[in-house]
Amino acid sequence: MRSILSSVPWFVWLLQCPYPTHAEASNLNSTEALGKEQMWPPAWTEQGCRNCTCDYLRRLVNCSNRDFSSGLPSASMFPLEETEAFCFSNSSVSFIDRDYFLNFSTLHIIQGQYNQLTRPFIVPSTITTLFLYCNRISSASGFFQRDSYHYNNLANVDLSHNCIDKITTGGFANFVGLRSLDLCCMKNPLPLVLEKGAIANLSLLTFLDLSDNGMTSASIHTLENVGNTGLKILLGGNDLVQLCEDFLMLPAVSHLDIHNCNIQHVHANAFRYLRNLRFLYMYDNKISFLPEGVFNHTETALSRLDLSMNNLTVNSTSGSLFRNGQQLFELLLANNRLVEIEESLFETITELMYLDVSSNMLRRLPRSLVHQHYLVAM
């Protein structure tokens, strides 16, 4: 057993993909997922932890799915210079000393989801992954004791489903290696507030989730210099109401989800900086009108546009919405108030492969649809 495992790094079992989902991360913490032989420590006794005999497997400390309501064991009980991952998910942990992890000199991963933590602890500068979702943490400040430039290896942070009500200036700024940041679904009666410069200068970020926080357009507008090519931003379930001019000035965005955001008005230049946008989800809003040329700034990248479940009428869907040469492949207009679709709509989007106009009040379809090869859902 040892000879087989010694040829494979421990993180093969711990991280199956760069950005695991909540469900995947939870499974990775269980003894069933990792295998009892792969856990450190393999047993918990009244005397404390006992070391595993395999050098590779000793690098993972697993204190998950136990009752640590009175606090985690003393850090001195663990191999401080060998531990690379520390897991204590679903263990009723409500408090951790601020300096608890500072003496772990090679620690890369901390997973402490599904506990009752209420305040931060200091994260060592060697950390790459911090998963603390589904706790009661009220502030994102205090996790990082040094300047953010010391955390060059930090790649994945998940603080979703906590009680954070504000991200202060510099809270998540200048982390040069950060690739995934999840701050969705805060359990607060008031909207999450982003101060100017709170999330900024994250040049490698590819995933940002701020959904279901009751946020306004003003908070979203504070995002600065965020994202690498292919950035995916999830903002669904907020209270944007209107998309103002240049509401999101992030050219790296390729996937934008703003569904169910109570959007009623869209400025003609709302998407002016989103030149590389490929997937745009605006369904389940209250949009009744789209200004001329609103999608003209996305060059040829926009391939999927979902405007279903809005209040669009015949005057909202003219060809002037799009620019000649746009490679739009999917257009979803289901569950609107369309009675008619103008012929000009399809003159500029010649690459269309799928059109959904179901659950409208259409009396007829444009003649051009009869001669096209794409699929029409009625």
Protein backbone atom coordinates (compact mmCIF):
# COMPACT_ATOMS: atom_id res chain seq x y z
CA MET A 1 0.00 0.00 0.00
CA ARG A 2 2.78 2.40 0.96
CA SER A 3 4.76 1.75 -2.20
CA ILE A 4 1.76 2.60 -4.39
CA LEU A 5 0.80 5.76 -2.55
CA SER A 6 4.33 7.03 -2.16
CA SER A 7 4.55 7.56 -5.92
CA VAL A 8 1.48 9.82 -5.97
CA PRO A 9 1.35 13.19 -4.18
CA TRP A 10 -1.22 13.46 -1.39
CA PHE A 11 -3.10 16.29 -3.11
CA VAL A 12 -4.28 13.92 -5.88
CA TRP A 13 -6.94 12.72 -3.44
CA LEU A 14 -7.57 16.06 -1.79
CA LEU A 15 -8.11 18.23 -4.85
CA GLN A 16 -9.68 16.51 -7.83
CA CYS A 17 -10.06 19.77 -9.75
CA PRO A 18 -8.69 23.33 -9.42
CA TYR A 19 -11.98 24.78 -8.16
CA PRO A 20 -14.10 22.07 -6.49
CA THR A 21 -17.76 22.77 -5.83
CA HIS A 22 -19.20 22.84 -2.32
CA ALA A 23 -20.50 19.31 -2.69
CA GLU A 24 -17.21 18.05 -4.08
CA ALA A 25 -15.20 19.73 -1.36
CA SER A 26 -17.43 18.22 1.31
CA ASN A 27 -16.97 14.76 -0.14
CA LEU A 28 -13.23 15.22 -0.28
CA ASN A 29 -13.18 15.73 3.48
CA SER A 30 -14.86 12.46 4.31
CA THR A 31 -13.05 9.26 5.19
CA GLU A 32 -15.01 7.51 2.48
CA ALA A 33 -13.67 9.87 -0.19
CA LEU A 34 -10.02 9.83 0.84
CA GLY A 35 -9.86 6.35 2.27
CA LYS A 36 -9.08 5.68 5.93
CA GLU A 37 -5.49 4.74 5.10
CA GLN A 38 -4.93 8.16 3.54
CA MET A 39 -5.94 10.21 6.57
CA TRP A 40 -3.67 11.79 9.15
CA PRO A 41 -4.30 10.97 11.91
CA PRO A 42 -5.91 7.58 11.24
CA ALA A 43 -7.36 7.42 14.74
CA TRP A 44 -8.36 9.70 17.58
CA THR A 45 -7.75 8.51 21.11
CA GLU A 46 -7.98 10.02 24.56
CA GLN A 47 -4.22 10.59 24.38
CA GLY A 48 -4.59 12.62 21.18
CA CYS A 49 -3.38 12.09 17.63
CA ARG A 50 -0.92 9.39 16.68
CA ASN A 51 1.25 9.68 13.62
CA CYS A 52 0.73 7.71 10.47
CA THR A 53 3.72 5.62 9.38
CA CYS A 54 3.58 6.74 5.75
CA ASP A 55 5.47 9.98 5.07
CA TYR A 56 3.18 11.06 2.23
CA LEU A 57 0.01 10.45 4.17
CA ARG A 58 1.19 12.31 7.22
CA ARG A 59 0.87 15.56 5.29
CA LEU A 60 -2.90 15.61 5.69
CA VAL A 61 -4.43 16.29 9.11
CA ASN A 62 -8.07 15.26 9.22
CA CYS A 63 -10.17 16.45 12.14
CA SER A 64 -13.42 16.50 10.20
CA ASN A 65 -16.77 15.09 11.30
CA ARG A 66 -15.89 15.11 14.99
CA ASP A 67 -17.06 17.14 17.98
CA PHE A 68 -14.62 19.97 18.67
CA SER A 69 -17.12 22.36 20.20
CA SER A 70 -14.61 23.02 22.99
CA GLY A 71 -11.85 23.82 20.49
CA LEU A 72 -9.37 22.12 18.19
CA PRO A 73 -6.53 20.07 19.71
CA SER A 74 -3.32 21.90 20.49
CA ALA A 75 -1.34 22.62 17.33
CA SER A 76 1.74 21.11 18.97
CA MET A 77 0.13 17.68 18.65
CA PHE A 78 0.57 17.79 14.88
CA PRO A 79 3.71 17.63 12.69
CA LEU A 80 4.06 21.39 12.19
CA GLU A 81 6.85 21.14 9.61
CA GLU A 82 5.19 18.41 7.51
CA THR A 83 1.46 19.16 7.47
CA GLU A 84 0.30 20.52 4.12
CA ALA A 85 -3.48 20.25 4.56
CA PHE A 86 -5.62 20.73 7.66
CA CYS A 87 -9.29 19.71 7.49
CA PHE A 88 -11.79 20.29 10.29
CA SER A 89 -15.10 20.56 8.44
CA ASN A 90 -18.38 19.71 10.14
CA SER A 91 -16.79 19.52 13.60
CA SER A 92 -18.80 22.10 15.60
CA VAL A 93 -15.80 24.43 15.81
CA SER A 94 -16.83 27.89 17.02
CA PHE A 95 -13.47 29.45 17.89
CA ILE A 96 -9.85 29.18 16.74
CA ASP A 97 -6.98 31.14 18.31
CA ARG A 98 -5.73 33.81 15.92
CA ASP A 99 -2.19 32.36 15.89
CA TYR A 100 -3.22 28.70 15.76
CA PHE A 101 -1.89 28.01 12.24
CA LEU A 102 1.15 30.31 12.21
CA ASN A 103 3.63 27.58 13.20
CA PHE A 104 2.57 25.27 10.36
CA SER A 105 5.49 26.08 8.09
CA THR A 106 4.33 24.09 5.02
CA LEU A 107 0.56 24.43 5.28
CA HIS A 108 -1.14 24.90 1.89
CA ILE A 109 -4.80 24.04 2.44
CA ILE A 110 -7.28 24.85 5.22
CA GLN A 111 -10.77 23.40 4.98
CA GLY A 112 -13.15 24.32 7.80
CA GLN A 113 -16.58 24.50 6.23
CA TYR A 114 -19.83 23.68 8.05
CA ASN A 115 -18.83 24.93 11.49
CA GLN A 116 -19.86 27.85 13.73
CA LEU A 117 -16.82 30.08 13.36
CA THR A 118 -17.65 33.73 13.99
CA ARG A 119 -14.34 35.53 13.53
CA PRO A 120 -11.15 35.20 11.46
CA PHE A 121 -7.85 33.62 12.36
CA ILE A 122 -4.46 34.42 10.82
CA VAL A 123 -3.67 32.42 7.71
CA PRO A 124 -0.01 31.52 7.08
CA SER A 125 1.61 32.98 3.97
CA THR A 126 2.16 29.50 2.52
CA ILE A 127 -1.58 28.92 2.05
CA THR A 128 -3.02 28.20 -1.40
CA THR A 129 -6.61 27.24 -0.57
CA LEU A 130 -8.94 28.54 2.14
CA PHE A 131 -12.40 26.95 2.36
CA LEU A 132 -14.52 28.30 5.24
CA TYR A 133 -17.98 28.45 3.69
CA CYS A 134 -21.11 27.80 5.77
CA ASN A 135 -19.91 29.35 9.01
CA ARG A 136 -20.94 32.52 10.87
CA ILE A 137 -17.94 34.70 10.12
CA SER A 138 -18.91 38.37 10.25
CA SER A 139 -15.77 39.96 8.81
CA ALA A 140 -13.35 39.12 6.02
CA SER A 141 -10.67 41.28 7.61
CA GLY A 142 -8.10 39.66 9.86
CA PHE A 143 -7.23 36.50 7.91
CA PHE A 144 -4.06 37.97 6.45
CA GLN A 145 -1.52 39.43 8.88
CA ARG A 146 0.93 40.71 6.26
CA ASP A 147 0.68 42.74 3.11
CA SER A 148 -1.20 40.82 0.44
CA TYR A 149 1.96 40.57 -1.68
CA HIS A 150 3.27 38.00 0.80
CA TYR A 151 0.44 35.64 -0.21
CA ASN A 152 1.67 34.92 -3.71
CA ASN A 153 0.45 31.31 -3.57
CA LEU A 154 -3.11 32.02 -2.47
CA ALA A 155 -5.31 30.72 -5.31
CA ASN A 156 -8.73 29.69 -3.94
CA VAL A 157 -10.85 31.43 -1.29
CA ASP A 158 -14.41 30.42 -0.40
CA LEU A 159 -16.12 32.42 2.35
CA SER A 160 -19.65 32.03 1.01
CA HIS A 161 -22.68 31.42 3.23
CA ASN A 162 -21.27 33.42 6.12
CA CYS A 163 -22.45 36.65 7.78
CA ILE A 164 -20.09 39.18 6.20
CA ASP A 165 -21.84 42.52 5.59
CA LYS A 166 -18.94 44.58 4.21
CA ILE A 167 -15.69 44.06 2.34
CA THR A 168 -13.46 46.98 3.24
CA THR A 169 -10.91 48.70 1.00
CA GLY A 170 -8.02 46.34 0.31
CA GLY A 171 -9.90 43.33 1.66
CA PHE A 172 -9.19 41.28 -1.44
CA ALA A 173 -6.75 43.42 -3.38
CA ASN A 174 -3.32 42.71 -4.86
CA PHE A 175 -3.41 38.95 -4.34
CA VAL A 176 -1.40 38.24 -7.45
CA GLY A 177 -2.10 34.49 -7.51
CA LEU A 178 -5.81 34.47 -6.60
CA ARG A 179 -7.87 32.57 -9.18
CA SER A 180 -11.18 31.79 -7.46
CA LEU A 181 -13.09 33.97 -4.96
CA ASP A 182 -16.52 32.94 -3.68
CA LEU A 183 -18.42 35.43 -1.50
CA CYS A 184 -21.99 34.49 -2.38
CA CYS A 185 -25.08 34.02 -0.23
CA MET A 186 -24.21 36.02 2.87
CA LYS A 187 -26.73 35.45 5.64
CA ASN A 188 -27.49 39.10 6.38
CA PRO A 189 -30.71 41.12 6.38
CA LEU A 190 -28.83 44.01 4.71
CA PRO A 191 -27.02 44.00 1.35
CA LEU A 192 -23.33 43.17 1.14
CA VAL A 193 -21.33 46.37 0.66
CA LEU A 194 -18.10 46.57 -1.33
CA GLU A 195 -16.00 49.61 -0.57
CA LYS A 196 -13.95 51.12 -3.38
CA GLY A 197 -10.85 48.99 -3.87
CA ALA A 198 -12.24 46.08 -1.83
CA ILE A 199 -11.81 43.63 -4.72
CA ALA A 200 -9.10 44.97 -7.00
CA ASN A 201 -5.89 44.17 -8.87
CA LEU A 202 -6.50 40.44 -9.14
CA SER A 203 -4.92 39.82 -12.51
CA LEU A 204 -5.22 36.00 -12.49
CA LEU A 205 -8.80 35.74 -11.21
CA THR A 206 -10.98 33.46 -13.35
CA PHE A 207 -13.99 32.96 -11.04
CA LEU A 208 -15.86 35.49 -8.87
CA ASP A 209 -19.18 34.71 -7.19
CA LEU A 210 -21.06 37.56 -5.51
CA SER A 211 -24.55 36.21 -6.12
CA ASP A 212 -27.51 36.37 -3.73
CA ASN A 213 -26.19 39.21 -1.58
CA GLY A 214 -28.80 41.91 -2.22
CA MET A 215 -26.06 44.11 -3.71
CA THR A 216 -26.74 47.28 -5.68
CA SER A 217 -25.13 48.45 -8.92
CA ALA A 218 -23.04 50.92 -6.92
CA SER A 219 -21.21 48.11 -5.14
CA ILE A 220 -20.62 46.17 -8.34
CA HIS A 221 -19.18 49.30 -9.95
CA THR A 222 -16.32 49.30 -7.40
CA LEU A 223 -14.63 46.24 -8.94
CA GLU A 224 -11.27 47.33 -10.35
CA ASN A 225 -8.64 45.61 -12.51
CA VAL A 226 -10.07 42.18 -11.86
CA GLY A 227 -9.69 39.12 -14.00
CA ASN A 228 -7.72 37.12 -16.47
CA THR A 229 -8.96 36.04 -19.90
CA GLY A 230 -12.10 33.96 -19.45
CA LEU A 231 -13.26 35.55 -16.18
CA LYS A 232 -16.61 34.19 -14.95
CA ILE A 233 -18.66 36.50 -12.71
CA LEU A 234 -21.87 35.42 -10.99
CA LEU A 235 -24.10 38.27 -9.77
CA GLY A 236 -27.51 36.62 -9.87
CA GLY A 237 -29.98 37.25 -7.08
CA ASN A 238 -28.82 40.78 -6.26
CA ASP A 239 -30.80 44.03 -6.45
CA LEU A 240 -29.15 45.87 -9.32
CA VAL A 241 -32.40 47.55 -10.56
CA GLN A 242 -30.57 49.30 -13.39
CA LEU A 243 -27.42 48.71 -15.38
CA CYS A 244 -25.83 52.15 -15.55
CA GLU A 245 -23.27 53.29 -18.09
CA ASP A 246 -20.10 51.20 -17.78
CA PHE A 247 -21.52 49.40 -14.77
CA LEU A 248 -18.82 46.73 -15.11
CA MET A 249 -15.46 47.89 -16.48
CA LEU A 250 -13.76 44.51 -16.70
CA PRO A 251 -12.67 43.58 -20.25
CA ALA A 252 -11.60 40.08 -19.13
CA VAL A 253 -15.18 38.97 -18.42
CA SER A 254 -16.34 36.18 -20.73
CA HIS A 255 -19.25 34.83 -18.63
CA LEU A 256 -21.66 37.17 -16.83
CA ASP A 257 -24.69 36.01 -14.88
CA ILE A 258 -27.08 38.77 -13.78
CA HIS A 259 -30.32 36.80 -13.62
CA ASN A 260 -33.00 37.62 -11.04
CA CYS A 261 -31.50 41.02 -10.21
CA ASN A 262 -34.69 43.11 -10.46
CA ILE A 263 -33.20 44.87 -13.50
CA GLN A 264 -35.65 47.32 -15.06
CA HIS A 265 -33.44 49.68 -17.05
CA VAL A 266 -30.33 49.02 -19.16
CA HIS A 267 -28.10 51.84 -20.39
CA ALA A 268 -26.99 51.69 -24.02
CA ASN A 269 -23.34 51.63 -22.87
CA ALA A 270 -23.78 49.25 -19.95
CA PHE A 271 -21.62 46.58 -21.63
CA ARG A 272 -19.16 48.92 -23.35
CA TYR A 273 -16.10 47.49 -21.60
CA LEU A 274 -17.13 43.84 -21.94
CA ARG A 275 -15.53 43.32 -25.32
CA ASN A 276 -14.79 39.62 -24.72
CA LEU A 277 -18.18 38.65 -23.33
CA ARG A 278 -19.30 35.23 -24.61
CA PHE A 279 -22.13 34.18 -22.29
CA LEU A 280 -24.66 36.68 -20.93
CA TYR A 281 -27.52 35.54 -18.69
CA MET A 282 -30.16 38.21 -18.00
CA TYR A 283 -33.21 36.01 -17.48
CA ASP A 284 -35.83 36.50 -14.76
CA ASN A 285 -35.65 40.29 -14.60
CA LYS A 286 -38.13 43.09 -15.38
CA ILE A 287 -36.63 44.42 -18.59
CA SER A 288 -39.23 45.84 -20.97
CA PHE A 289 -36.93 47.73 -23.32
CA LEU A 290 -33.37 47.38 -24.61
CA PRO A 291 -31.72 50.47 -26.14
CA GLU A 292 -30.33 50.48 -29.64
CA GLY A 293 -26.86 48.99 -29.95
CA VAL A 294 -26.73 47.75 -26.37
CA PHE A 295 -24.83 44.59 -27.41
CA ASN A 296 -22.71 46.21 -30.11
CA HIS A 297 -19.60 46.47 -27.95
CA THR A 298 -19.02 42.74 -27.52
CA GLU A 299 -17.18 42.46 -30.86
CA THR A 300 -17.79 38.96 -32.27
CA ALA A 301 -17.49 37.05 -28.99
CA LEU A 302 -21.09 36.95 -27.71
CA SER A 303 -22.39 33.46 -28.43
CA ARG A 304 -25.20 32.89 -25.90
CA LEU A 305 -27.74 35.48 -24.75
CA ASP A 306 -30.54 34.59 -22.35
CA LEU A 307 -33.28 37.22 -22.05
CA SER A 308 -36.07 34.87 -21.08
CA MET A 309 -38.59 35.65 -18.33
CA ASN A 310 -38.59 39.42 -18.84
CA ASN A 311 -41.19 41.90 -20.11
CA LEU A 312 -39.87 42.37 -23.64
CA THR A 313 -42.32 43.40 -26.35
CA VAL A 314 -42.10 43.69 -30.14
CA ASN A 315 -40.36 47.07 -29.94
CA SER A 316 -37.61 45.60 -27.78
CA THR A 317 -36.19 43.15 -30.30
CA SER A 318 -35.10 45.03 -33.41
CA GLY A 319 -31.98 44.20 -35.36
CA SER A 320 -30.29 47.35 -34.08
CA LEU A 321 -29.58 45.51 -30.84
CA PHE A 322 -26.74 43.63 -32.54
CA ARG A 323 -23.89 44.53 -34.83
CA ASN A 324 -23.12 42.92 -38.17
CA GLY A 325 -20.82 39.94 -37.86
CA GLN A 326 -21.64 38.98 -34.27
CA GLN A 327 -21.39 35.22 -33.84
CA LEU A 328 -24.47 34.79 -31.67
CA PHE A 329 -25.32 31.08 -31.63
CA GLU A 330 -28.11 30.93 -29.02
CA LEU A 331 -30.83 33.50 -28.35
CA LEU A 332 -33.37 32.78 -25.61
CA LEU A 333 -36.50 34.96 -25.54
CA ALA A 334 -38.95 32.60 -23.87
CA ASN A 335 -41.59 33.84 -21.40
CA ASN A 336 -41.75 37.45 -22.54
CA ARG A 337 -44.58 39.51 -24.03
CA LEU A 338 -43.60 39.19 -27.66
CA VAL A 339 -46.44 39.46 -30.15
CA GLU A 340 -44.19 39.86 -33.16
CA ILE A 341 -40.49 39.67 -34.00
CA GLU A 342 -39.10 42.03 -36.59
CA GLU A 343 -37.37 40.58 -39.64
CA SER A 344 -34.39 42.86 -39.07
CA LEU A 345 -33.46 41.01 -35.87
CA PHE A 346 -31.96 38.16 -37.85
CA GLU A 347 -30.20 40.20 -40.52
CA THR A 348 -27.17 40.87 -38.31
CA ILE A 349 -26.96 37.55 -36.42
CA THR A 350 -26.46 35.18 -39.32
CA GLU A 351 -24.66 32.50 -37.25
CA LEU A 352 -27.69 31.78 -35.04
CA MET A 353 -28.17 28.06 -34.30
CA TYR A 354 -30.91 28.06 -31.66
CA LEU A 355 -33.81 30.41 -30.97
CA ASP A 356 -36.29 29.97 -28.12
CA VAL A 357 -39.44 32.09 -28.33
CA SER A 358 -41.71 29.76 -26.39
CA SER A 359 -44.38 31.05 -23.99
CA ASN A 360 -44.94 34.35 -25.80
CA MET A 361 -47.95 35.70 -27.66
CA LEU A 362 -46.51 35.46 -31.15
CA ARG A 363 -49.02 35.66 -33.98
CA ARG A 364 -46.45 34.79 -36.60
CA LEU A 365 -42.74 34.23 -37.12
CA PRO A 366 -40.51 36.23 -39.47
CA ARG A 367 -40.33 34.80 -42.97
CA SER A 368 -36.57 34.48 -42.71
CA LEU A 369 -36.97 31.77 -40.09
CA VAL A 370 -38.46 29.44 -42.63
CA HIS A 371 -35.29 29.49 -44.71
CA GLN A 372 -32.79 29.19 -41.85
CA HIS A 373 -31.28 25.96 -40.54
CA TYR A 374 -31.41 26.72 -36.84
CA LEU A 375 -33.78 25.18 -34.33
CA VAL A 376 -36.75 27.22 -33.19
CA ALA A 377 -38.50 26.43 -29.90
CA MET A 378 -42.12 27.58 -29.80
